[in-house]
N, C-alpha and C. Protein backbone atom coordinates (compact mmCIF):
# COMPACT_ATOMS: atom_id res chain seq x y z
N MET A 1 -49.14 -47.09 -9.06
CA MET A 1 -49.31 -45.59 -9.12
C MET A 1 -50.75 -45.01 -9.20
N SER A 2 -50.50 -43.81 -9.07
CA SER A 2 -52.17 -43.18 -8.85
C SER A 2 -52.33 -42.25 -10.68
N ASP A 3 -53.03 -42.31 -11.28
CA ASP A 3 -52.60 -41.35 -12.00
C ASP A 3 -53.03 -40.29 -11.13
N ILE A 4 -52.70 -39.53 -12.01
CA ILE A 4 -53.10 -37.32 -11.84
C ILE A 4 -53.72 -37.10 -13.13
N ILE A 5 -54.63 -35.61 -12.45
CA ILE A 5 -54.62 -34.94 -13.99
C ILE A 5 -54.15 -33.62 -14.18
N VAL A 6 -54.06 -33.43 -14.88
CA VAL A 6 -52.75 -32.11 -15.46
C VAL A 6 -53.97 -31.10 -16.53
N THR A 7 -53.88 -30.16 -16.53
CA THR A 7 -54.28 -29.05 -17.01
C THR A 7 -53.60 -27.82 -17.59
N LEU A 8 -53.52 -27.79 -18.74
CA LEU A 8 -52.64 -27.32 -19.59
C LEU A 8 -53.50 -26.07 -20.17
N ARG A 9 -52.43 -24.80 -20.02
CA ARG A 9 -53.38 -23.63 -21.16
C ARG A 9 -51.77 -23.08 -21.32
N LEU A 10 -52.54 -23.47 -23.17
CA LEU A 10 -51.95 -22.93 -24.37
C LEU A 10 -52.75 -21.76 -24.84
N PRO A 11 -51.25 -21.48 -25.69
CA PRO A 11 -51.81 -20.30 -26.46
C PRO A 11 -52.78 -20.66 -27.85
N GLN A 12 -53.65 -20.09 -27.81
CA GLN A 12 -54.25 -20.84 -29.35
C GLN A 12 -53.45 -20.70 -30.81
N GLY A 13 -52.54 -20.29 -30.73
CA GLY A 13 -51.10 -20.69 -32.02
C GLY A 13 -51.01 -21.98 -31.91
N LEU A 14 -50.17 -22.07 -30.53
CA LEU A 14 -49.57 -23.36 -30.17
C LEU A 14 -50.90 -24.73 -29.98
N LEU A 15 -51.70 -24.23 -29.19
CA LEU A 15 -52.95 -25.34 -29.90
C LEU A 15 -53.28 -26.04 -30.75
N ASP A 16 -53.23 -25.05 -32.27
CA ASP A 16 -53.15 -25.27 -33.07
C ASP A 16 -52.16 -25.89 -33.97
N GLU A 17 -51.18 -25.86 -33.79
CA GLU A 17 -50.02 -26.62 -33.71
C GLU A 17 -49.68 -27.69 -33.45
N VAL A 18 -50.57 -27.56 -32.05
CA VAL A 18 -50.27 -29.31 -31.63
C VAL A 18 -50.85 -30.47 -31.78
N ARG A 19 -52.92 -29.89 -32.32
CA ARG A 19 -53.35 -29.96 -32.92
C ARG A 19 -52.95 -31.53 -34.01
N HIS A 20 -52.75 -29.97 -35.19
CA HIS A 20 -51.91 -30.24 -36.53
C HIS A 20 -50.93 -31.63 -36.16
N ALA A 21 -50.09 -31.64 -35.73
CA ALA A 21 -48.82 -32.81 -35.13
C ALA A 21 -49.67 -34.00 -34.60
N SER A 22 -50.78 -33.66 -33.96
CA SER A 22 -51.01 -34.88 -33.39
C SER A 22 -51.60 -35.68 -34.46
N GLU A 23 -52.71 -34.85 -35.60
CA GLU A 23 -53.23 -35.78 -36.53
C GLU A 23 -52.03 -36.44 -37.69
N GLU A 24 -50.86 -35.37 -37.88
CA GLU A 24 -50.23 -35.51 -39.43
C GLU A 24 -49.33 -36.98 -38.41
N ASP A 25 -49.24 -37.32 -36.71
CA ASP A 25 -48.74 -38.45 -36.20
C ASP A 25 -49.55 -38.99 -35.76
N HIS A 26 -51.24 -39.85 -36.34
CA HIS A 26 -51.93 -39.95 -35.72
C HIS A 26 -52.35 -40.67 -34.54
N PHE A 27 -52.29 -39.84 -33.87
CA PHE A 27 -52.48 -40.04 -32.20
C PHE A 27 -54.03 -39.29 -31.97
N MET A 28 -54.86 -39.70 -31.12
CA MET A 28 -56.08 -39.74 -31.30
C MET A 28 -56.12 -38.45 -31.01
N ASP A 29 -55.47 -38.05 -30.12
CA ASP A 29 -56.08 -36.48 -29.65
C ASP A 29 -55.11 -35.95 -28.93
N VAL A 30 -54.87 -35.06 -29.08
CA VAL A 30 -54.18 -33.98 -28.48
C VAL A 30 -53.35 -34.58 -26.94
N SER A 31 -53.86 -34.86 -26.25
CA SER A 31 -53.78 -35.80 -24.73
C SER A 31 -52.65 -36.70 -25.37
N GLU A 32 -53.25 -37.49 -26.29
CA GLU A 32 -52.16 -38.57 -26.26
C GLU A 32 -50.81 -37.97 -27.17
N LEU A 33 -50.08 -36.85 -27.59
CA LEU A 33 -49.32 -35.86 -27.94
C LEU A 33 -48.97 -35.88 -26.92
N VAL A 34 -49.55 -35.27 -26.16
CA VAL A 34 -49.08 -34.03 -24.72
C VAL A 34 -48.25 -35.69 -24.15
N ARG A 35 -48.88 -36.59 -23.91
CA ARG A 35 -48.23 -37.72 -23.10
C ARG A 35 -47.20 -38.48 -23.63
N SER A 36 -46.84 -38.22 -24.85
CA SER A 36 -45.52 -38.70 -25.70
C SER A 36 -44.75 -37.67 -25.50
N ILE A 37 -44.97 -37.44 -25.96
CA ILE A 37 -43.45 -35.79 -25.49
C ILE A 37 -43.36 -35.48 -24.18
N THR A 38 -44.16 -35.73 -23.26
CA THR A 38 -44.16 -35.73 -21.44
C THR A 38 -42.86 -36.71 -21.61
N ARG A 39 -43.23 -38.11 -21.83
CA ARG A 39 -42.66 -39.55 -22.26
C ARG A 39 -41.20 -39.19 -22.27
N LYS A 40 -40.84 -38.53 -23.00
CA LYS A 40 -39.68 -38.81 -24.61
C LYS A 40 -39.03 -38.15 -23.10
N SER A 41 -39.70 -36.97 -22.93
CA SER A 41 -38.60 -35.60 -22.06
C SER A 41 -38.31 -36.34 -20.73
N TRP A 42 -39.15 -36.99 -20.42
CA TRP A 42 -38.94 -37.82 -19.04
C TRP A 42 -37.43 -38.74 -19.26
N LEU A 43 -37.76 -40.07 -20.19
CA LEU A 43 -36.20 -40.35 -20.27
C LEU A 43 -35.62 -39.91 -20.62
N ALA A 44 -35.51 -38.82 -20.97
CA ALA A 44 -34.13 -38.28 -22.10
C ALA A 44 -33.50 -36.96 -20.56
N TYR A 45 -34.17 -37.17 -19.85
CA TYR A 45 -34.07 -36.61 -18.41
C TYR A 45 -33.60 -37.70 -17.14
N SER A 46 -34.10 -38.58 -17.34
CA SER A 46 -34.04 -39.91 -16.21
C SER A 46 -32.92 -40.23 -16.38
N ASP A 47 -32.62 -40.90 -18.17
CA ASP A 47 -31.31 -41.59 -18.61
C ASP A 47 -31.56 -41.62 -19.90
N PRO A 48 -29.97 -39.95 -20.03
CA PRO A 48 -29.67 -39.89 -21.04
C PRO A 48 -28.75 -40.73 -21.91
N TYR A 49 -28.48 -41.48 -21.36
CA TYR A 49 -27.39 -42.51 -22.08
C TYR A 49 -29.26 -43.67 -23.25
N LEU A 50 -29.34 -43.90 -22.38
CA LEU A 50 -30.71 -44.92 -23.00
C LEU A 50 -31.35 -44.09 -23.89
N PHE A 51 -31.06 -43.12 -22.90
CA PHE A 51 -32.58 -42.11 -24.48
C PHE A 51 -31.17 -41.66 -25.51
N GLU A 52 -30.20 -41.27 -25.70
CA GLU A 52 -29.75 -41.39 -26.98
C GLU A 52 -29.34 -42.44 -27.43
N VAL A 53 -29.75 -44.21 -27.26
CA VAL A 53 -29.47 -45.28 -28.00
C VAL A 53 -30.84 -45.44 -28.59
N LYS A 54 -31.77 -45.13 -27.17
CA LYS A 54 -33.03 -45.35 -28.30
C LYS A 54 -33.30 -43.82 -29.78
N MET A 55 -32.73 -43.19 -29.22
CA MET A 55 -32.84 -41.79 -30.72
C MET A 55 -31.88 -42.84 -31.90
N LEU A 56 -30.76 -42.90 -31.76
CA LEU A 56 -29.65 -43.86 -32.86
C LEU A 56 -30.27 -44.84 -33.51
N ARG A 57 -31.11 -45.83 -32.53
CA ARG A 57 -31.26 -46.89 -32.83
C ARG A 57 -32.65 -46.42 -33.52
N GLN A 58 -33.44 -45.41 -34.03
CA GLN A 58 -34.40 -45.26 -34.69
C GLN A 58 -33.93 -44.59 -35.95
N GLU A 59 -33.28 -43.50 -35.19
CA GLU A 59 -32.00 -43.23 -36.74
C GLU A 59 -31.31 -43.95 -37.62
N ILE A 60 -31.04 -45.71 -37.22
CA ILE A 60 -30.75 -46.79 -37.96
C ILE A 60 -31.79 -47.36 -38.72
N SER A 61 -32.66 -47.51 -38.24
CA SER A 61 -33.86 -47.68 -38.93
C SER A 61 -34.48 -47.05 -39.88
N SER A 62 -34.66 -46.02 -39.50
CA SER A 62 -34.86 -44.81 -40.58
C SER A 62 -34.13 -45.06 -42.09
N SER A 63 -33.14 -44.63 -41.79
CA SER A 63 -32.10 -44.85 -42.46
C SER A 63 -32.13 -45.61 -43.78
N ILE A 64 -31.83 -47.19 -43.03
CA ILE A 64 -31.86 -48.11 -43.59
C ILE A 64 -33.44 -48.62 -44.36
N ARG A 65 -34.39 -48.38 -43.95
CA ARG A 65 -36.41 -48.34 -44.65
C ARG A 65 -35.76 -47.23 -45.29
N GLU A 66 -35.28 -46.14 -45.99
CA GLU A 66 -35.06 -45.23 -46.75
C GLU A 66 -33.97 -45.42 -47.68
N LYS A 67 -33.13 -46.73 -47.59
CA LYS A 67 -32.20 -47.15 -48.25
C LYS A 67 -32.65 -48.34 -49.23
N SER A 68 -33.36 -48.97 -48.10
CA SER A 68 -34.03 -49.78 -49.13
C SER A 68 -34.96 -49.60 -49.81
N ARG A 69 -36.08 -48.76 -49.53
CA ARG A 69 -37.04 -47.95 -50.59
C ARG A 69 -36.26 -47.40 -51.98
N LYS A 70 -35.14 -46.44 -51.25
CA LYS A 70 -34.33 -46.21 -53.12
C LYS A 70 -33.98 -47.36 -53.89
N LEU A 71 -33.26 -48.38 -53.43
CA LEU A 71 -32.91 -49.78 -53.93
C LEU A 71 -33.89 -50.01 -54.64
N ALA A 72 -34.90 -50.68 -53.75
CA ALA A 72 -36.55 -50.84 -54.69
C ALA A 72 -36.77 -49.48 -55.76
N ALA A 73 -36.90 -49.02 -55.58
CA ALA A 73 -37.47 -48.18 -56.86
C ALA A 73 -35.92 -47.69 -57.97
N GLY A 74 -34.63 -47.69 -57.82
CA GLY A 74 -33.97 -48.38 -58.66
C GLY A 74 -33.99 -49.58 -59.35
N MET A 75 -34.31 -50.36 -58.89
CA MET A 75 -34.41 -52.01 -59.47
C MET A 75 -35.75 -51.89 -60.61
N ILE A 76 -36.70 -51.23 -59.26
CA ILE A 76 -37.93 -51.24 -60.43
C ILE A 76 -37.65 -50.61 -62.01
N ALA A 77 -37.13 -49.03 -62.02
CA ALA A 77 -36.80 -48.38 -62.83
C ALA A 77 -35.83 -49.48 -63.70
N GLU A 78 -34.98 -50.08 -63.14
CA GLU A 78 -34.20 -50.63 -63.69
C GLU A 78 -34.95 -51.83 -65.06
N GLU A 79 -35.47 -52.70 -64.30
CA GLU A 79 -36.83 -53.69 -64.40
C GLU A 79 -38.13 -52.97 -66.13
N LEU A 80 -38.56 -51.77 -65.79
CA LEU A 80 -39.40 -51.21 -66.60
C LEU A 80 -38.90 -50.68 -67.72
N LYS A 81 -37.33 -50.40 -67.89
CA LYS A 81 -36.83 -50.22 -68.71
C LYS A 81 -36.14 -51.03 -69.88
N LYS A 82 -35.75 -52.14 -69.02
CA LYS A 82 -35.39 -53.99 -70.09
C LYS A 82 -36.64 -54.25 -70.64
N ILE A 83 -37.91 -53.91 -70.24
CA ILE A 83 -39.36 -54.28 -70.48
C ILE A 83 -39.86 -53.09 -72.24
N LYS A 84 -39.00 -51.67 -71.07
CA LYS A 84 -39.59 -51.11 -72.78
C LYS A 84 -38.66 -51.32 -73.67
N LYS A 85 -37.59 -51.25 -73.17
CA LYS A 85 -36.35 -51.59 -74.26
C LYS A 85 -37.06 -53.47 -75.13
N GLY A 86 -37.67 -54.17 -74.35
CA GLY A 86 -37.96 -55.67 -75.21
C GLY A 86 -39.24 -55.05 -76.02
N ILE A 87 -39.78 -54.31 -75.71
CA ILE A 87 -41.21 -53.68 -76.01
C ILE A 87 -40.86 -53.29 -77.93
N GLY A 88 -39.92 -52.59 -77.85
CA GLY A 88 -39.05 -51.94 -78.86
C GLY A 88 -38.57 -52.38 -79.42
N ASP A 89 -37.61 -53.82 -78.93
CA ASP A 89 -36.96 -54.36 -80.18
C ASP A 89 -38.17 -55.07 -81.17
N GLU A 90 -39.88 -55.93 -80.29
CA GLU A 90 -39.94 -56.39 -81.02
C GLU A 90 -40.88 -56.08 -82.55
């Protein structure tokens, strides 16, 4: 497999958005973000079923993480209420 250099010309507004997105997603630079987008698009076109499975897996994982965060926050709030009530009783 050989490496190929590709040059992109982007309007300034789009370039600013891509730079901002690369910083938010913790990419080293814009080229890494472009490679990531290209890989995702290539996977979607080359094997749409595998792409769909991966996207579903990511959605499920993020939902589970979010629910466990909410559950933990609720448990912490309950414990704090108990502590507050215990301090108020003394």
